[in-house]
PDB file of all heavy atoms in Angstrom:
ATOM      1  N   LYS A   1     -69.392   0.146 -36.715  1.00  0.00           N
ATOM      2  CA  LYS A   1     -70.720  -0.301 -36.518  1.00  0.00           C
ATOM      3  C   LYS A   1     -70.829  -1.769 -36.877  1.00  0.00           C
ATOM      4  O   LYS A   1     -70.553  -2.198 -38.006  1.00  0.00           O
ATOM      5  CB  LYS A   1     -71.715   0.504 -37.366  1.00  0.00           C
ATOM      6  CG  LYS A   1     -71.798   2.008 -36.986  1.00  0.00           C
ATOM      7  CD  LYS A   1     -72.799   2.710 -37.853  1.00  0.00           C
ATOM      8  CE  LYS A   1     -72.939   4.188 -37.458  1.00  0.00           C
ATOM      9  NZ  LYS A   1     -73.875   4.924 -38.285  1.00  0.00           N
ATOM     10  N   ILE A   2     -71.225  -2.565 -35.873  1.00  0.00           N
ATOM     11  CA  ILE A   2     -71.223  -4.030 -36.038  1.00  0.00           C
ATOM     12  C   ILE A   2     -72.595  -4.582 -35.639  1.00  0.00           C
ATOM     13  O   ILE A   2     -73.107  -4.249 -34.570  1.00  0.00           O
ATOM     14  CB  ILE A   2     -70.140  -4.719 -35.229  1.00  0.00           C
ATOM     15  CG1 ILE A   2     -68.790  -4.102 -35.531  1.00  0.00           C
ATOM     16  CG2 ILE A   2     -70.121  -6.217 -35.422  1.00  0.00           C
ATOM     17  CD1 ILE A   2     -67.695  -4.434 -34.540  1.00  0.00           C
ATOM     18  N   ASN A   3     -73.203  -5.402 -36.533  1.00  0.00           N
ATOM     19  CA  ASN A   3     -74.485  -6.020 -36.229  1.00  0.00           C
ATOM     20  C   ASN A   3     -74.403  -7.510 -36.646  1.00  0.00           C
ATOM     21  O   ASN A   3     -73.354  -8.008 -37.050  1.00  0.00           O
ATOM     22  CB  ASN A   3     -75.594  -5.271 -36.911  1.00  0.00           C
ATOM     23  CG  ASN A   3     -75.371  -5.104 -38.422  1.00  0.00           C
ATOM     24  OD1 ASN A   3     -74.813  -6.015 -39.057  1.00  0.00           O
ATOM     25  ND2 ASN A   3     -75.778  -3.993 -38.967  1.00  0.00           N
ATOM     26  N   LYS A   4     -75.563  -8.169 -36.555  1.00  0.00           N
ATOM     27  CA  LYS A   4     -75.593  -9.599 -36.907  1.00  0.00           C
ATOM     28  C   LYS A   4     -75.186  -9.833 -38.381  1.00  0.00           C
ATOM     29  O   LYS A   4     -74.511 -10.834 -38.690  1.00  0.00           O
ATOM     30  CB  LYS A   4     -76.990 -10.183 -36.639  1.00  0.00           C
ATOM     31  CG  LYS A   4     -77.336 -10.302 -35.182  1.00  0.00           C
ATOM     32  CD  LYS A   4     -78.683 -10.966 -35.006  1.00  0.00           C
ATOM     33  CE  LYS A   4     -79.007 -11.170 -33.524  1.00  0.00           C
ATOM     34  NZ  LYS A   4     -80.327 -11.821 -33.322  1.00  0.00           N
ATOM     35  N   ASN A   5     -75.587  -8.938 -39.219  1.00  0.00           N
ATOM     36  CA  ASN A   5     -75.251  -9.056 -40.643  1.00  0.00           C
ATOM     37  C   ASN A   5     -73.732  -9.020 -40.859  1.00  0.00           C
ATOM     38  O   ASN A   5     -73.152  -9.773 -41.654  1.00  0.00           O
ATOM     39  CB  ASN A   5     -75.922  -7.986 -41.451  1.00  0.00           C
ATOM     40  CG  ASN A   5     -75.692  -8.147 -42.974  1.00  0.00           C
ATOM     41  OD1 ASN A   5     -75.907  -9.248 -43.546  1.00  0.00           O
ATOM     42  ND2 ASN A   5     -75.188  -7.115 -43.611  1.00  0.00           N
ATOM     43  N   THR A   6     -73.071  -8.081 -40.121  1.00  0.00           N
ATOM     44  CA  THR A   6     -71.646  -7.960 -40.156  1.00  0.00           C
ATOM     45  C   THR A   6     -70.978  -9.262 -39.789  1.00  0.00           C
ATOM     46  O   THR A   6     -70.064  -9.775 -40.480  1.00  0.00           O
ATOM     47  CB  THR A   6     -71.119  -6.843 -39.216  1.00  0.00           C
ATOM     48  OG1 THR A   6     -71.782  -5.659 -39.470  1.00  0.00           O
ATOM     49  CG2 THR A   6     -69.605  -6.639 -39.396  1.00  0.00           C
ATOM     50  N   MET A   7     -71.449  -9.880 -38.730  1.00  0.00           N
ATOM     51  CA  MET A   7     -70.872 -11.150 -38.235  1.00  0.00           C
ATOM     52  C   MET A   7     -71.083 -12.270 -39.229  1.00  0.00           C
ATOM     53  O   MET A   7     -70.172 -13.090 -39.443  1.00  0.00           O
ATOM     54  CB  MET A   7     -71.501 -11.490 -36.888  1.00  0.00           C
ATOM     55  CG  MET A   7     -71.356 -10.419 -35.839  1.00  0.00           C
ATOM     56  SD  MET A   7     -69.684 -10.238 -35.254  1.00  0.00           S
ATOM     57  CE  MET A   7     -69.606 -11.548 -34.062  1.00  0.00           C
ATOM     58  N   ASN A   8     -72.252 -12.317 -39.805  1.00  0.00           N
ATOM     59  CA  ASN A   8     -72.549 -13.355 -40.816  1.00  0.00           C
ATOM     60  C   ASN A   8     -71.630 -13.247 -42.037  1.00  0.00           C
ATOM     61  O   ASN A   8     -71.206 -14.235 -42.597  1.00  0.00           O
ATOM     62  CB  ASN A   8     -74.010 -13.311 -41.233  1.00  0.00           C
ATOM     63  CG  ASN A   8     -74.964 -13.752 -40.157  1.00  0.00           C
ATOM     64  OD1 ASN A   8     -74.564 -14.607 -39.293  1.00  0.00           O
ATOM     65  ND2 ASN A   8     -76.203 -13.253 -40.165  1.00  0.00           N
ATOM     66  N   ILE A   9     -71.392 -12.003 -42.466  1.00  0.00           N
ATOM     67  CA  ILE A   9     -70.528 -11.789 -43.598  1.00  0.00           C
ATOM     68  C   ILE A   9     -69.088 -12.331 -43.274  1.00  0.00           C
ATOM     69  O   ILE A   9     -68.491 -12.989 -44.114  1.00  0.00           O
ATOM     70  CB  ILE A   9     -70.448 -10.277 -43.939  1.00  0.00           C
ATOM     71  CG1 ILE A   9     -71.803  -9.843 -44.551  1.00  0.00           C
ATOM     72  CG2 ILE A   9     -69.326 -10.018 -44.952  1.00  0.00           C
ATOM     73  CD1 ILE A   9     -71.880  -8.299 -44.753  1.00  0.00           C
ATOM     74  N   LEU A  10     -68.596 -12.056 -42.108  1.00  0.00           N
ATOM     75  CA  LEU A  10     -67.244 -12.467 -41.746  1.00  0.00           C
ATOM     76  C   LEU A  10     -67.169 -13.953 -41.592  1.00  0.00           C
ATOM     77  O   LEU A  10     -66.102 -14.569 -41.805  1.00  0.00           O
ATOM     78  CB  LEU A  10     -66.822 -11.785 -40.438  1.00  0.00           C
ATOM     79  CG  LEU A  10     -66.624 -10.254 -40.531  1.00  0.00           C
ATOM     80  CD1 LEU A  10     -66.343  -9.678 -39.169  1.00  0.00           C
ATOM     81  CD2 LEU A  10     -65.486  -9.897 -41.501  1.00  0.00           C
ATOM     82  N   LYS A  11     -68.281 -14.625 -41.197  1.00  0.00           N
ATOM     83  CA  LYS A  11     -68.266 -16.073 -41.085  1.00  0.00           C
ATOM     84  C   LYS A  11     -68.359 -16.772 -42.429  1.00  0.00           C
ATOM     85  O   LYS A  11     -67.720 -17.808 -42.653  1.00  0.00           O
ATOM     86  CB  LYS A  11     -69.440 -16.525 -40.196  1.00  0.00           C
ATOM     87  CG  LYS A  11     -69.306 -16.187 -38.715  1.00  0.00           C
ATOM     88  CD  LYS A  11     -70.517 -16.630 -37.944  1.00  0.00           C
ATOM     89  CE  LYS A  11     -70.422 -16.265 -36.458  1.00  0.00           C
ATOM     90  NZ  LYS A  11     -71.633 -16.680 -35.733  1.00  0.00           N
ATOM     91  N   LYS A  12     -69.136 -16.185 -43.336  1.00  0.00           N
ATOM     92  CA  LYS A  12     -69.348 -16.772 -44.659  1.00  0.00           C
ATOM     93  C   LYS A  12     -68.123 -16.546 -45.537  1.00  0.00           C
ATOM     94  O   LYS A  12     -67.814 -17.394 -46.394  1.00  0.00           O
ATOM     95  CB  LYS A  12     -70.587 -16.196 -45.321  1.00  0.00           C
ATOM     96  CG  LYS A  12     -71.885 -16.626 -44.677  1.00  0.00           C
ATOM     97  CD  LYS A  12     -73.068 -16.006 -45.368  1.00  0.00           C
ATOM     98  CE  LYS A  12     -74.394 -16.517 -44.761  1.00  0.00           C
ATOM     99  NZ  LYS A  12     -75.567 -15.912 -45.465  1.00  0.00           N
ATOM    100  N   GLY A  13     -67.429 -15.421 -45.327  1.00  0.00           N
ATOM    101  CA  GLY A  13     -66.193 -15.175 -46.078  1.00  0.00           C
ATOM    102  C   GLY A  13     -66.236 -13.917 -46.910  1.00  0.00           C
ATOM    103  O   GLY A  13     -67.310 -13.571 -47.430  1.00  0.00           O
ATOM    104  N   VAL A  14     -65.119 -13.226 -46.935  1.00  0.00           N
ATOM    105  CA  VAL A  14     -65.002 -11.980 -47.709  1.00  0.00           C
ATOM    106  C   VAL A  14     -63.837 -12.132 -48.722  1.00  0.00           C
ATOM    107  O   VAL A  14     -62.885 -12.878 -48.451  1.00  0.00           O
ATOM    108  CB  VAL A  14     -64.758 -10.763 -46.794  1.00  0.00           C
ATOM    109  CG1 VAL A  14     -65.966 -10.542 -45.915  1.00  0.00           C
ATOM    110  CG2 VAL A  14     -63.507 -11.012 -45.935  1.00  0.00           C
ATOM    111  N   ARG A  15     -63.929 -11.404 -49.820  1.00  0.00           N
ATOM    112  CA  ARG A  15     -62.878 -11.543 -50.861  1.00  0.00           C
ATOM    113  C   ARG A  15     -61.765 -10.566 -50.570  1.00  0.00           C
ATOM    114  O   ARG A  15     -61.968  -9.394 -50.437  1.00  0.00           O
ATOM    115  CB  ARG A  15     -63.553 -11.240 -52.200  1.00  0.00           C
ATOM    116  CG  ARG A  15     -62.639 -11.541 -53.396  1.00  0.00           C
ATOM    117  CD  ARG A  15     -63.411 -11.318 -54.709  1.00  0.00           C
ATOM    118  NE  ARG A  15     -62.566 -11.617 -55.859  1.00  0.00           N
ATOM    119  CZ  ARG A  15     -62.415 -12.826 -56.388  1.00  0.00           C
ATOM    120  NH1 ARG A  15     -63.052 -13.819 -55.853  1.00  0.00           N
ATOM    121  NH2 ARG A  15     -61.675 -13.012 -57.469  1.00  0.00           N
ATOM    122  N   ILE A  16     -60.526 -11.110 -50.516  1.00  0.00           N
ATOM    123  CA  ILE A  16     -59.351 -10.334 -50.272  1.00  0.00           C
ATOM    124  C   ILE A  16     -58.269 -10.758 -51.272  1.00  0.00           C
ATOM    125  O   ILE A  16     -57.841 -11.921 -51.214  1.00  0.00           O
ATOM    126  CB  ILE A  16     -58.828 -10.438 -48.843  1.00  0.00           C
ATOM    127  CG1 ILE A  16     -59.916 -10.068 -47.815  1.00  0.00           C
ATOM    128  CG2 ILE A  16     -57.543  -9.634 -48.647  1.00  0.00           C
ATOM    129  CD1 ILE A  16     -59.536 -10.365 -46.398  1.00  0.00           C
ATOM    130  N   ASN A  17     -57.854  -9.889 -52.155  1.00  0.00           N
ATOM    131  CA  ASN A  17     -56.805 -10.182 -53.097  1.00  0.00           C
ATOM    132  C   ASN A  17     -57.073 -11.513 -53.861  1.00  0.00           C
ATOM    133  O   ASN A  17     -56.195 -12.395 -53.877  1.00  0.00           O
ATOM    134  CB  ASN A  17     -55.438 -10.264 -52.400  1.00  0.00           C
ATOM    135  CG  ASN A  17     -55.048  -8.914 -51.803  1.00  0.00           C
ATOM    136  OD1 ASN A  17     -55.367  -7.844 -52.330  1.00  0.00           O
ATOM    137  ND2 ASN A  17     -54.326  -8.922 -50.683  1.00  0.00           N
ATOM    138  N   ASN A  18     -58.259 -11.619 -54.402  1.00  0.00           N
ATOM    139  CA  ASN A  18     -58.610 -12.761 -55.231  1.00  0.00           C
ATOM    140  C   ASN A  18     -58.741 -14.126 -54.531  1.00  0.00           C
ATOM    141  O   ASN A  18     -58.790 -15.170 -55.086  1.00  0.00           O
ATOM    142  CB  ASN A  18     -57.612 -12.932 -56.410  1.00  0.00           C
ATOM    143  CG  ASN A  18     -57.634 -11.761 -57.344  1.00  0.00           C
ATOM    144  OD1 ASN A  18     -58.684 -11.162 -57.634  1.00  0.00           O
ATOM    145  ND2 ASN A  18     -56.418 -11.343 -57.771  1.00  0.00           N
ATOM    146  N   THR A  19     -58.794 -14.052 -53.172  1.00  0.00           N
ATOM    147  CA  THR A  19     -59.031 -15.251 -52.380  1.00  0.00           C
ATOM    148  C   THR A  19     -60.101 -14.876 -51.357  1.00  0.00           C
ATOM    149  O   THR A  19     -60.389 -13.732 -51.094  1.00  0.00           O
ATOM    150  CB  THR A  19     -57.797 -15.767 -51.644  1.00  0.00           C
ATOM    151  OG1 THR A  19     -57.343 -14.761 -50.721  1.00  0.00           O
ATOM    152  CG2 THR A  19     -56.674 -16.040 -52.638  1.00  0.00           C
ATOM    153  N   TYR A  20     -60.718 -15.955 -50.753  1.00  0.00           N
ATOM    154  CA  TYR A  20     -61.723 -15.717 -49.716  1.00  0.00           C
ATOM    155  C   TYR A  20     -61.176 -16.070 -48.347  1.00  0.00           C
ATOM    156  O   TYR A  20     -60.441 -17.081 -48.182  1.00  0.00           O
ATOM    157  CB  TYR A  20     -62.962 -16.559 -50.019  1.00  0.00           C
ATOM    158  CG  TYR A  20     -63.848 -15.968 -51.084  1.00  0.00           C
ATOM    159  CD1 TYR A  20     -63.691 -16.286 -52.421  1.00  0.00           C
ATOM    160  CD2 TYR A  20     -64.858 -15.035 -50.743  1.00  0.00           C
ATOM    161  CE1 TYR A  20     -64.493 -15.725 -53.416  1.00  0.00           C
ATOM    162  CE2 TYR A  20     -65.685 -14.457 -51.687  1.00  0.00           C
ATOM    163  CZ  TYR A  20     -65.484 -14.817 -53.026  1.00  0.00           C
ATOM    164  OH  TYR A  20     -66.285 -14.249 -53.978  1.00  0.00           O
ATOM    165  N   SER A  21     -61.513 -15.226 -47.389  1.00  0.00           N
ATOM    166  CA  SER A  21     -61.135 -15.476 -45.979  1.00  0.00           C
ATOM    167  C   SER A  21     -62.368 -15.396 -45.125  1.00  0.00           C
ATOM    168  O   SER A  21     -63.288 -14.589 -45.372  1.00  0.00           O
ATOM    169  CB  SER A  21     -60.095 -14.399 -45.524  1.00  0.00           C
ATOM    170  OG  SER A  21     -58.916 -14.501 -46.289  1.00  0.00           O
ATOM    171  N   SER A  22     -62.429 -16.211 -44.064  1.00  0.00           N
ATOM    172  CA  SER A  22     -63.509 -16.253 -43.158  1.00  0.00           C
ATOM    173  C   SER A  22     -63.080 -16.673 -41.776  1.00  0.00           C
ATOM    174  O   SER A  22     -62.052 -17.336 -41.624  1.00  0.00           O
ATOM    175  CB  SER A  22     -64.614 -17.191 -43.694  1.00  0.00           C
ATOM    176  OG  SER A  22     -64.109 -18.514 -43.708  1.00  0.00           O
ATOM    177  N   PHE A  23     -63.857 -16.318 -40.808  1.00  0.00           N
ATOM    178  CA  PHE A  23     -63.654 -16.767 -39.433  1.00  0.00           C
ATOM    179  C   PHE A  23     -64.322 -18.138 -39.252  1.00  0.00           C
ATOM    180  O   PHE A  23     -65.498 -18.276 -39.674  1.00  0.00           O
ATOM    181  CB  PHE A  23     -64.230 -15.768 -38.427  1.00  0.00           C
ATOM    182  CG  PHE A  23     -63.365 -14.552 -38.212  1.00  0.00           C
ATOM    183  CD1 PHE A  23     -63.732 -13.382 -38.811  1.00  0.00           C
ATOM    184  CD2 PHE A  23     -62.198 -14.609 -37.439  1.00  0.00           C
ATOM    185  CE1 PHE A  23     -62.944 -12.216 -38.605  1.00  0.00           C
ATOM    186  CE2 PHE A  23     -61.434 -13.480 -37.276  1.00  0.00           C
ATOM    187  CZ  PHE A  23     -61.808 -12.274 -37.880  1.00  0.00           C
ATOM    188  N   LYS A  24     -63.642 -19.085 -38.646  1.00  0.00           N
ATOM    189  CA  LYS A  24     -64.267 -20.331 -38.305  1.00  0.00           C
ATOM    190  C   LYS A  24     -65.317 -20.098 -37.227  1.00  0.00           C
ATOM    191  O   LYS A  24     -66.379 -20.738 -37.273  1.00  0.00           O
ATOM    192  CB  LYS A  24     -63.188 -21.316 -37.818  1.00  0.00           C
ATOM    193  CG  LYS A  24     -63.729 -22.706 -37.491  1.00  0.00           C
ATOM    194  CD  LYS A  24     -62.635 -23.629 -37.104  1.00  0.00           C
ATOM    195  CE  LYS A  24     -63.202 -25.023 -36.809  1.00  0.00           C
ATOM    196  NZ  LYS A  24     -62.060 -25.970 -36.442  1.00  0.00           N
ATOM    197  N   SER A  25     -65.005 -19.213 -36.318  1.00  0.00           N
ATOM    198  CA  SER A  25     -65.959 -18.766 -35.315  1.00  0.00           C
ATOM    199  C   SER A  25     -65.604 -17.392 -34.866  1.00  0.00           C
ATOM    200  O   SER A  25     -64.429 -16.998 -34.891  1.00  0.00           O
ATOM    201  CB  SER A  25     -66.029 -19.723 -34.116  1.00  0.00           C
ATOM    202  OG  SER A  25     -64.841 -19.636 -33.351  1.00  0.00           O
ATOM    203  N   ILE A  26     -66.583 -16.599 -34.468  1.00  0.00           N
ATOM    204  CA  ILE A  26     -66.340 -15.238 -33.998  1.00  0.00           C
ATOM    205  C   ILE A  26     -67.526 -14.835 -33.100  1.00  0.00           C
ATOM    206  O   ILE A  26     -68.666 -15.084 -33.468  1.00  0.00           O
ATOM    207  CB  ILE A  26     -66.163 -14.250 -35.159  1.00  0.00           C
ATOM    208  CG1 ILE A  26     -65.842 -12.865 -34.612  1.00  0.00           C
ATOM    209  CG2 ILE A  26     -67.312 -14.264 -36.118  1.00  0.00           C
ATOM    210  CD1 ILE A  26     -65.465 -11.840 -35.680  1.00  0.00           C
ATOM    211  N   TYR A  27     -67.206 -14.182 -31.965  1.00  0.00           N
ATOM    212  CA  TYR A  27     -68.271 -13.676 -31.096  1.00  0.00           C
ATOM    213  C   TYR A  27     -67.747 -12.556 -30.236  1.00  0.00           C
ATOM    214  O   TYR A  27     -66.568 -12.454 -30.009  1.00  0.00           O
ATOM    215  CB  TYR A  27     -68.845 -14.826 -30.243  1.00  0.00           C
ATOM    216  CG  TYR A  27     -67.884 -15.403 -29.244  1.00  0.00           C
ATOM    217  CD1 TYR A  27     -67.749 -14.886 -27.987  1.00  0.00           C
ATOM    218  CD2 TYR A  27     -67.119 -16.499 -29.594  1.00  0.00           C
ATOM    219  CE1 TYR A  27     -66.881 -15.430 -27.052  1.00  0.00           C
ATOM    220  CE2 TYR A  27     -66.236 -17.057 -28.667  1.00  0.00           C
ATOM    221  CZ  TYR A  27     -66.087 -16.557 -27.411  1.00  0.00           C
ATOM    222  OH  TYR A  27     -65.249 -17.074 -26.496  1.00  0.00           O
ATOM    223  N   SER A  28     -68.678 -11.706 -29.803  1.00  0.00           N
ATOM    224  CA  SER A  28     -68.352 -10.587 -28.933  1.00  0.00           C
ATOM    225  C   SER A  28     -68.282 -11.082 -27.466  1.00  0.00           C
ATOM    226  O   SER A  28     -69.116 -11.883 -27.086  1.00  0.00           O
ATOM    227  CB  SER A  28     -69.422  -9.497 -29.052  1.00  0.00           C
ATOM    228  OG  SER A  28     -69.185  -8.485 -28.109  1.00  0.00           O
ATOM    229  N   PHE A  29     -67.328 -10.541 -26.737  1.00  0.00           N
ATOM    230  CA  PHE A  29     -67.293 -10.871 -25.292  1.00  0.00           C
ATOM    231  C   PHE A  29     -67.086  -9.640 -24.464  1.00  0.00           C
ATOM    232  O   PHE A  29     -66.625  -9.684 -23.332  1.00  0.00           O
ATOM    233  CB  PHE A  29     -66.165 -11.926 -25.025  1.00  0.00           C
ATOM    234  CG  PHE A  29     -64.765 -11.411 -25.209  1.00  0.00           C
ATOM    235  CD1 PHE A  29     -63.997 -10.954 -24.119  1.00  0.00           C
ATOM    236  CD2 PHE A  29     -64.178 -11.418 -26.459  1.00  0.00           C
ATOM    237  CE1 PHE A  29     -62.730 -10.497 -24.301  1.00  0.00           C
ATOM    238  CE2 PHE A  29     -62.882 -10.991 -26.642  1.00  0.00           C
ATOM    239  CZ  PHE A  29     -62.156 -10.504 -25.567  1.00  0.00           C
ATOM    240  N   SER A  30     -67.458  -8.470 -25.029  1.00  0.00           N
ATOM    241  CA  SER A  30     -67.434  -7.235 -24.249  1.00  0.00           C
ATOM    242  C   SER A  30     -68.507  -7.282 -23.177  1.00  0.00           C
ATOM    243  O   SER A  30     -69.624  -7.639 -23.392  1.00  0.00           O
ATOM    244  CB  SER A  30     -67.633  -6.031 -25.159  1.00  0.00           C
ATOM    245  OG  SER A  30     -66.621  -5.961 -26.156  1.00  0.00           O
ATOM    246  N   ASP A  31     -68.069  -6.829 -21.970  1.00  0.00           N
ATOM    247  CA  ASP A  31     -69.097  -6.710 -20.884  1.00  0.00           C
ATOM    248  C   ASP A  31     -70.118  -5.638 -21.209  1.00  0.00           C
ATOM    249  O   ASP A  31     -71.265  -5.725 -20.947  1.00  0.00           O
ATOM    250  CB  ASP A  31     -68.421  -6.409 -19.529  1.00  0.00           C
ATOM    251  CG  ASP A  31     -67.552  -7.603 -19.077  1.00  0.00           C
ATOM    252  OD1 ASP A  31     -67.932  -8.742 -19.398  1.00  0.00           O
ATOM    253  OD2 ASP A  31     -66.544  -7.360 -18.382  1.00  0.00           O
ATOM    254  N   LYS A  32     -69.565  -4.545 -21.768  1.00  0.00           N
ATOM    255  CA  LYS A  32     -70.421  -3.455 -22.232  1.00  0.00           C
ATOM    256  C   LYS A  32     -69.711  -2.704 -23.286  1.00  0.00           C
ATOM    257  O   LYS A  32     -68.475  -2.709 -23.347  1.00  0.00           O
ATOM    258  CB  LYS A  32     -70.792  -2.527 -21.049  1.00  0.00           C
ATOM    259  CG  LYS A  32     -69.626  -1.897 -20.377  1.00  0.00           C
ATOM    260  CD  LYS A  32     -70.054  -1.005 -19.253  1.00  0.00           C
ATOM    261  CE  LYS A  32     -68.833  -0.329 -18.561  1.00  0.00           C
ATOM    262  NZ  LYS A  32     -69.255   0.595 -17.460  1.00  0.00           N
ATOM    263  N   GLU A  33     -70.469  -2.038 -24.110  1.00  0.00           N
ATOM    264  CA  GLU A  33     -69.844  -1.285 -25.221  1.00  0.00           C
ATOM    265  C   GLU A  33     -69.215   0.010 -24.678  1.00  0.00           C
ATOM    266  O   GLU A  33     -69.744   0.643 -23.792  1.00  0.00           O
ATOM    267  CB  GLU A  33     -70.906  -0.925 -26.290  1.00  0.00           C
ATOM    268  CG  GLU A  33     -71.442  -2.169 -27.029  1.00  0.00           C
ATOM    269  CD  GLU A  33     -72.317  -1.752 -28.159  1.00  0.00           C
ATOM    270  OE1 GLU A  33     -72.253  -0.586 -28.536  1.00  0.00           O
ATOM    271  OE2 GLU A  33     -73.105  -2.632 -28.613  1.00  0.00           O
ATOM    272  N   SER A  34     -68.052   0.311 -25.204  1.00  0.00           N
ATOM    273  CA  SER A  34     -67.384   1.565 -24.834  1.00  0.00           C
ATOM    274  C   SER A  34     -67.253   2.387 -26.119  1.00  0.00           C
ATOM    275  O   SER A  34     -66.329   2.185 -26.925  1.00  0.00           O
ATOM    276  CB  SER A  34     -65.994   1.252 -24.259  1.00  0.00           C
ATOM    277  OG  SER A  34     -65.304   2.469 -24.016  1.00  0.00           O
ATOM    278  N   GLY A  35     -68.250   3.277 -26.344  1.00  0.00           N
ATOM    279  CA  GLY A  35     -68.303   3.985 -27.626  1.00  0.00           C
ATOM    280  C   GLY A  35     -68.562   3.036 -28.754  1.00  0.00           C
ATOM    281  O   GLY A  35     -69.487   2.182 -28.671  1.00  0.00           O
ATOM    282  N   LYS A  36     -67.714   3.076 -29.735  1.00  0.00           N
ATOM    283  CA  LYS A  36     -67.854   2.154 -30.864  1.00  0.00           C
ATOM    284  C   LYS A  36     -66.802   1.050 -30.850  1.00  0.00           C
ATOM    285  O   LYS A  36     -66.632   0.324 -31.836  1.00  0.00           O
ATOM    286  CB  LYS A  36     -67.784   2.951 -32.181  1.00  0.00           C
ATOM    287  CG  LYS A  36     -69.017   3.830 -32.437  1.00  0.00           C
ATOM    288  CD  LYS A  36     -68.947   4.454 -33.824  1.00  0.00           C
ATOM    289  CE  LYS A  36     -70.136   5.326 -34.096  1.00  0.00           C
ATOM    290  NZ  LYS A  36     -70.103   5.939 -35.463  1.00  0.00           N
ATOM    291  N   ASN A  37     -66.111   0.923 -29.738  1.00  0.00           N
ATOM    292  CA  ASN A  37     -65.116  -0.144 -29.590  1.00  0.00           C
ATOM    293  C   ASN A  37     -65.723  -1.366 -28.939  1.00  0.00           C
ATOM    294  O   ASN A  37     -66.355  -1.249 -27.889  1.00  0.00           O
ATOM    295  CB  ASN A  37     -63.949   0.361 -28.765  1.00  0.00           C
ATOM    296  CG  ASN A  37     -63.046   1.338 -29.555  1.00  0.00           C
ATOM    297  OD1 ASN A  37     -62.416   0.981 -30.501  1.00  0.00           O
ATOM    298  ND2 ASN A  37     -63.054   2.575 -29.110  1.00  0.00           N
TER     299      ASN A  37
END
């Protein structure tokens, strides 16, 4: 399940093994959703 909040979290950064990782940019490019993929 992915929404705007999910995307914002990944852009701001998440904590992994005592360090922070984030996407410089991320966006969906699916023509249409196929189930939850």
